[in-house]
Amino acid sequence: MGTKLIASTEAQNNFGRVLDDVVQNNTRYILRRRNISQAVILSVADFEEILNANETERTKLGKLLRELSPGYSFGETVEE
């Protein structure tokens, strides 16, 4: 199982391939728009595994998602 970053337009233009990769190879895709992570595509089987996973696995996935998520939003001050 791997995780791939993909631009939303690329995912849109190649949705069939992305879906096949997700289902057949258990690949997770993180969709990015304007270089900001927006959504995750994963198989139903993978989702069920996450729901049933131990806390260590859920923590590992949560850490990955936090690393790929922006740490700020419009109007907030970013500390230097």
N, C-alpha and C. Protein backbone atom coordinates (compact mmCIF):
# COMPACT_ATOMS: atom_id res chain seq x y z
N MET A 1 0.86 -1.17 0.00
CA MET A 1 0.00 0.00 0.00
C MET A 1 0.90 1.23 0.00
N GLY A 2 0.55 2.18 -0.83
CA GLY A 2 1.29 3.42 -0.89
C GLY A 2 0.35 4.61 -0.88
N THR A 3 0.92 5.76 -0.67
CA THR A 3 0.16 6.99 -0.70
C THR A 3 0.78 7.90 -1.74
N LYS A 4 -0.05 8.45 -2.61
CA LYS A 4 0.42 9.33 -3.67
C LYS A 4 -0.27 10.68 -3.58
N LEU A 5 0.48 11.73 -3.87
CA LEU A 5 -0.09 13.06 -3.99
C LEU A 5 -0.48 13.27 -5.44
N ILE A 6 -1.63 13.90 -5.67
CA ILE A 6 -2.08 14.15 -7.04
C ILE A 6 -2.86 15.46 -7.09
N ALA A 7 -2.63 16.22 -8.13
CA ALA A 7 -3.38 17.46 -8.31
C ALA A 7 -4.83 17.12 -8.64
N SER A 8 -5.75 17.94 -8.19
CA SER A 8 -7.18 17.65 -8.40
C SER A 8 -7.52 17.57 -9.88
N THR A 9 -6.92 18.42 -10.71
CA THR A 9 -7.21 18.36 -12.15
C THR A 9 -6.67 17.07 -12.77
N GLU A 10 -5.50 16.62 -12.32
CA GLU A 10 -4.95 15.37 -12.82
C GLU A 10 -5.85 14.20 -12.41
N ALA A 11 -6.32 14.22 -11.17
CA ALA A 11 -7.23 13.17 -10.70
C ALA A 11 -8.53 13.19 -11.50
N GLN A 12 -9.04 14.38 -11.78
CA GLN A 12 -10.27 14.50 -12.55
C GLN A 12 -10.08 13.95 -13.96
N ASN A 13 -8.95 14.29 -14.58
CA ASN A 13 -8.70 13.85 -15.96
C ASN A 13 -8.37 12.37 -16.06
N ASN A 14 -7.96 11.76 -14.96
CA ASN A 14 -7.57 10.35 -14.96
C ASN A 14 -8.32 9.55 -13.90
N PHE A 15 -9.58 9.91 -13.67
CA PHE A 15 -10.30 9.33 -12.55
C PHE A 15 -10.41 7.81 -12.64
N GLY A 16 -10.63 7.29 -13.82
CA GLY A 16 -10.71 5.83 -13.98
C GLY A 16 -9.44 5.13 -13.56
N ARG A 17 -8.31 5.67 -13.96
CA ARG A 17 -7.02 5.09 -13.58
C ARG A 17 -6.79 5.20 -12.08
N VAL A 18 -7.12 6.36 -11.52
CA VAL A 18 -6.96 6.56 -10.08
C VAL A 18 -7.82 5.56 -9.33
N LEU A 19 -9.07 5.42 -9.73
CA LEU A 19 -9.98 4.48 -9.08
C LEU A 19 -9.47 3.05 -9.18
N ASP A 20 -8.99 2.66 -10.36
CA ASP A 20 -8.42 1.31 -10.52
C ASP A 20 -7.24 1.10 -9.58
N ASP A 21 -6.35 2.10 -9.49
CA ASP A 21 -5.18 2.00 -8.62
C ASP A 21 -5.60 1.88 -7.16
N VAL A 22 -6.61 2.64 -6.77
CA VAL A 22 -7.10 2.60 -5.40
C VAL A 22 -7.67 1.22 -5.06
N VAL A 23 -8.49 0.69 -5.95
CA VAL A 23 -9.17 -0.58 -5.69
C VAL A 23 -8.23 -1.78 -5.86
N GLN A 24 -7.49 -1.80 -6.95
CA GLN A 24 -6.67 -2.97 -7.27
C GLN A 24 -5.36 -3.02 -6.49
N ASN A 25 -4.75 -1.86 -6.22
CA ASN A 25 -3.44 -1.83 -5.58
C ASN A 25 -3.47 -1.27 -4.16
N ASN A 26 -4.68 -0.95 -3.69
CA ASN A 26 -4.86 -0.41 -2.34
C ASN A 26 -4.04 0.86 -2.12
N THR A 27 -3.92 1.68 -3.17
CA THR A 27 -3.19 2.93 -3.09
C THR A 27 -4.10 4.01 -2.53
N ARG A 28 -3.54 4.86 -1.70
CA ARG A 28 -4.27 6.03 -1.20
C ARG A 28 -3.80 7.24 -1.99
N TYR A 29 -4.73 8.10 -2.32
CA TYR A 29 -4.39 9.35 -3.02
C TYR A 29 -4.78 10.53 -2.16
N ILE A 30 -3.89 11.49 -2.06
CA ILE A 30 -4.20 12.76 -1.41
C ILE A 30 -4.34 13.79 -2.52
N LEU A 31 -5.54 14.32 -2.66
CA LEU A 31 -5.83 15.30 -3.70
C LEU A 31 -5.43 16.68 -3.24
N ARG A 32 -4.75 17.39 -4.14
CA ARG A 32 -4.29 18.73 -3.82
C ARG A 32 -4.88 19.72 -4.81
N ARG A 33 -5.29 20.84 -4.30
CA ARG A 33 -5.76 21.95 -5.13
C ARG A 33 -4.95 23.17 -4.73
N ARG A 34 -4.37 23.80 -5.73
CA ARG A 34 -3.48 24.95 -5.50
C ARG A 34 -2.38 24.60 -4.50
N ASN A 35 -1.89 23.38 -4.63
CA ASN A 35 -0.79 22.87 -3.82
C ASN A 35 -1.13 22.72 -2.34
N ILE A 36 -2.42 22.62 -2.03
CA ILE A 36 -2.86 22.42 -0.65
C ILE A 36 -3.69 21.13 -0.61
N SER A 37 -3.36 20.23 0.31
CA SER A 37 -4.09 18.97 0.44
C SER A 37 -5.54 19.25 0.80
N GLN A 38 -6.45 18.60 0.05
CA GLN A 38 -7.88 18.86 0.21
C GLN A 38 -8.70 17.63 0.59
N ALA A 39 -8.31 16.45 0.06
CA ALA A 39 -9.13 15.26 0.27
C ALA A 39 -8.28 14.00 0.10
N VAL A 40 -8.83 12.89 0.58
CA VAL A 40 -8.17 11.59 0.45
C VAL A 40 -9.11 10.65 -0.28
N ILE A 41 -8.55 9.89 -1.22
CA ILE A 41 -9.30 8.83 -1.89
C ILE A 41 -8.69 7.51 -1.43
N LEU A 42 -9.52 6.62 -0.90
CA LEU A 42 -9.05 5.30 -0.50
C LEU A 42 -10.16 4.30 -0.72
N SER A 43 -9.79 3.03 -0.81
CA SER A 43 -10.77 1.98 -1.07
C SER A 43 -11.65 1.75 0.16
N VAL A 44 -12.79 1.13 -0.08
CA VAL A 44 -13.69 0.77 1.02
C VAL A 44 -12.98 -0.21 1.96
N ALA A 45 -12.25 -1.16 1.38
CA ALA A 45 -11.52 -2.14 2.20
C ALA A 45 -10.48 -1.44 3.07
N ASP A 46 -9.77 -0.48 2.50
CA ASP A 46 -8.77 0.27 3.26
C ASP A 46 -9.44 1.08 4.37
N PHE A 47 -10.56 1.69 4.06
CA PHE A 47 -11.30 2.46 5.06
C PHE A 47 -11.74 1.56 6.22
N GLU A 48 -12.23 0.37 5.90
CA GLU A 48 -12.63 -0.57 6.95
C GLU A 48 -11.43 -0.96 7.81
N GLU A 49 -10.27 -1.16 7.18
CA GLU A 49 -9.06 -1.49 7.94
C GLU A 49 -8.69 -0.37 8.90
N ILE A 50 -8.80 0.87 8.42
CA ILE A 50 -8.48 2.02 9.27
C ILE A 50 -9.42 2.07 10.47
N LEU A 51 -10.70 1.83 10.22
CA LEU A 51 -11.67 1.86 11.32
C LEU A 51 -11.39 0.78 12.35
N ASN A 52 -10.86 -0.36 11.88
CA ASN A 52 -10.59 -1.48 12.78
C ASN A 52 -9.14 -1.54 13.25
N ALA A 53 -8.33 -0.61 12.78
CA ALA A 53 -6.89 -0.63 13.09
C ALA A 53 -6.63 -0.31 14.55
N ASN A 54 -5.45 -0.70 14.98
CA ASN A 54 -5.05 -0.37 16.34
C ASN A 54 -4.68 1.11 16.41
N GLU A 55 -4.51 1.59 17.60
CA GLU A 55 -4.27 3.02 17.80
C GLU A 55 -2.97 3.48 17.15
N THR A 56 -1.96 2.62 17.11
CA THR A 56 -0.68 2.98 16.50
C THR A 56 -0.85 3.28 15.02
N GLU A 57 -1.59 2.44 14.31
CA GLU A 57 -1.81 2.65 12.88
C GLU A 57 -2.62 3.91 12.62
N ARG A 58 -3.65 4.15 13.42
CA ARG A 58 -4.45 5.37 13.27
C ARG A 58 -3.60 6.60 13.55
N THR A 59 -2.73 6.52 14.54
CA THR A 59 -1.85 7.64 14.87
C THR A 59 -0.89 7.91 13.72
N LYS A 60 -0.35 6.86 13.12
CA LYS A 60 0.57 7.01 11.99
C LYS A 60 -0.12 7.70 10.82
N LEU A 61 -1.34 7.29 10.51
CA LEU A 61 -2.09 7.91 9.41
C LEU A 61 -2.43 9.36 9.76
N GLY A 62 -2.82 9.61 10.98
CA GLY A 62 -3.12 10.98 11.40
C GLY A 62 -1.91 11.89 11.28
N LYS A 63 -0.74 11.38 11.63
CA LYS A 63 0.49 12.16 11.51
C LYS A 63 0.78 12.51 10.06
N LEU A 64 0.61 11.55 9.16
CA LEU A 64 0.81 11.80 7.74
C LEU A 64 -0.13 12.89 7.24
N LEU A 65 -1.39 12.81 7.61
CA LEU A 65 -2.37 13.80 7.16
C LEU A 65 -2.06 15.18 7.74
N ARG A 66 -1.63 15.25 8.97
CA ARG A 66 -1.27 16.55 9.56
C ARG A 66 -0.06 17.16 8.87
N GLU A 67 0.90 16.33 8.49
CA GLU A 67 2.08 16.83 7.80
C GLU A 67 1.73 17.41 6.42
N LEU A 68 0.72 16.84 5.79
CA LEU A 68 0.35 17.27 4.45
C LEU A 68 -0.70 18.37 4.45
N SER A 69 -1.27 18.66 5.60
CA SER A 69 -2.29 19.70 5.70
C SER A 69 -1.64 21.05 5.95
N PRO A 70 -2.24 22.11 5.44
CA PRO A 70 -1.68 23.43 5.73
C PRO A 70 -1.82 23.76 7.21
N GLY A 71 -0.86 24.50 7.74
CA GLY A 71 -0.87 24.85 9.14
C GLY A 71 -1.46 26.22 9.40
N TYR A 72 -2.09 26.80 8.43
CA TYR A 72 -2.64 28.14 8.57
C TYR A 72 -3.87 28.27 7.67
N SER A 73 -4.61 29.31 7.88
CA SER A 73 -5.73 29.63 6.99
C SER A 73 -5.79 31.14 6.82
N PHE A 74 -6.59 31.60 5.91
CA PHE A 74 -6.66 33.03 5.62
C PHE A 74 -7.05 33.80 6.87
N GLY A 75 -6.36 34.93 7.08
CA GLY A 75 -6.69 35.83 8.17
C GLY A 75 -6.01 35.51 9.48
N GLU A 76 -5.35 34.36 9.60
CA GLU A 76 -4.68 34.02 10.84
C GLU A 76 -3.21 34.44 10.77
N THR A 77 -2.65 34.76 11.91
CA THR A 77 -1.25 35.13 11.98
C THR A 77 -0.40 33.87 12.03
N VAL A 78 0.65 33.86 11.21
CA VAL A 78 1.58 32.74 11.20
C VAL A 78 2.78 33.13 12.03
N GLU A 79 3.10 32.33 13.05
CA GLU A 79 4.23 32.64 13.91
C GLU A 79 5.52 32.26 13.21
N GLU A 80 6.54 33.11 13.37
CA GLU A 80 7.83 32.87 12.73
C GLU A 80 8.84 32.34 13.70
